[in-house]
Amino acid sequence: MKVAIETIYVAIQTIIIYSLLLFTMIGYEFKVEKFLYFYHFIFMCFTYFSMYGMMVVALTPGHQIAAIVMGFFMSFWNLFSGFLVPRPK
């Protein structure tokens, strides 16, 4: 039940707050297929992050420990996604 409610909330939040504002602020050429692709990408990223947070809270005894575990894994995700690894010259 929580997953369904959270998914609907993330979908509404993504379309109103992030996709419409961010798409126009970045200055992309407004075409429907580009906007829908952008919305899909943002929606999936927010849904993935929300579901990961819900999973960590469910697996740990409290939200304080969940925050520590989440910080640990987020640093690894950033490291291996290329944000913290320098490019070879």
Protein backbone atom coordinates (compact mmCIF):
# COMPACT_ATOMS: atom_id res chain seq x y z
CA MET A 1 0.00 0.00 0.00
CA LYS A 2 2.82 2.41 0.84
CA VAL A 3 4.46 1.78 -2.53
CA ALA A 4 1.29 2.67 -4.46
CA ILE A 5 0.73 5.86 -2.47
CA GLU A 6 4.37 6.88 -2.77
CA THR A 7 4.42 6.23 -6.52
CA ILE A 8 1.36 8.43 -7.10
CA TYR A 9 2.84 11.17 -4.93
CA VAL A 10 6.18 11.00 -6.78
CA ALA A 11 4.39 11.12 -10.17
CA ILE A 12 2.47 14.27 -9.21
CA GLN A 13 5.50 15.89 -7.61
CA THR A 14 7.67 15.09 -10.63
CA ILE A 15 5.30 16.56 -13.20
CA ILE A 16 4.41 19.73 -11.30
CA ILE A 17 7.60 20.69 -9.53
CA TYR A 18 10.51 19.14 -11.35
CA SER A 19 9.68 18.37 -14.97
CA LEU A 20 7.81 21.53 -15.91
CA LEU A 21 10.12 23.92 -14.08
CA LEU A 22 13.41 22.18 -14.74
CA PHE A 23 12.71 21.46 -18.41
CA THR A 24 11.98 25.12 -19.12
CA MET A 25 14.83 26.43 -16.94
CA ILE A 26 17.40 24.25 -18.70
CA GLY A 27 16.20 25.59 -22.04
CA TYR A 28 15.58 22.38 -23.91
CA GLU A 29 13.72 22.57 -27.19
CA PHE A 30 10.12 21.83 -26.26
CA LYS A 31 8.91 18.80 -28.15
CA VAL A 32 6.46 16.35 -26.65
CA GLU A 33 8.67 13.29 -27.06
CA LYS A 34 11.66 15.06 -25.48
CA PHE A 35 9.56 16.26 -22.56
CA LEU A 36 8.06 12.81 -21.99
CA TYR A 37 11.50 11.22 -22.08
CA PHE A 38 12.75 13.82 -19.59
CA TYR A 39 9.72 13.21 -17.35
CA HIS A 40 10.20 9.45 -17.52
CA PHE A 41 13.87 9.74 -16.56
CA ILE A 42 13.19 12.08 -13.61
CA PHE A 43 10.22 10.00 -12.45
CA MET A 44 12.18 6.75 -12.50
CA CYS A 45 15.11 8.30 -10.63
CA PHE A 46 12.85 9.70 -7.90
CA THR A 47 10.87 6.47 -7.66
CA TYR A 48 14.04 4.42 -7.36
CA PHE A 49 15.42 6.70 -4.66
CA SER A 50 12.13 6.72 -2.71
CA MET A 51 11.77 2.95 -2.84
CA TYR A 52 15.39 2.49 -1.77
CA GLY A 53 14.78 4.76 1.21
CA MET A 54 11.64 2.85 2.18
CA MET A 55 13.54 -0.44 1.92
CA VAL A 56 16.40 0.78 4.09
CA VAL A 57 14.01 2.05 6.77
CA ALA A 58 12.17 -1.28 6.72
CA LEU A 59 15.39 -3.31 7.03
CA THR A 60 16.99 -1.32 9.85
CA PRO A 61 15.75 -0.92 13.42
CA GLY A 62 15.32 2.86 13.20
CA HIS A 63 15.52 5.83 10.88
CA GLN A 64 18.81 7.01 12.42
CA ILE A 65 20.57 3.79 11.45
CA ALA A 66 18.84 3.89 8.06
CA ALA A 67 20.34 7.34 7.44
CA ILE A 68 23.82 6.03 8.23
CA VAL A 69 23.39 3.00 5.96
CA MET A 70 21.95 5.15 3.19
CA GLY A 71 24.86 7.60 3.41
CA PHE A 72 27.31 4.72 3.16
CA PHE A 73 25.69 3.28 0.03
CA MET A 74 25.14 6.66 -1.60
CA SER A 75 28.86 7.37 -1.43
CA PHE A 76 29.56 4.07 -3.21
CA TRP A 77 26.91 4.78 -5.86
CA ASN A 78 28.44 8.19 -6.53
CA LEU A 79 31.91 6.68 -6.69
CA PHE A 80 31.03 3.99 -9.20
CA SER A 81 28.66 6.09 -11.29
CA GLY A 82 31.55 8.29 -12.36
CA PHE A 83 30.94 11.42 -10.30
CA LEU A 84 34.02 10.98 -8.13
CA VAL A 85 36.31 9.08 -10.50
CA PRO A 86 38.59 11.42 -12.50
CA ARG A 87 38.72 11.00 -16.26
CA PRO A 88 41.97 9.80 -17.78
CA LYS A 89 43.72 12.40 -19.92
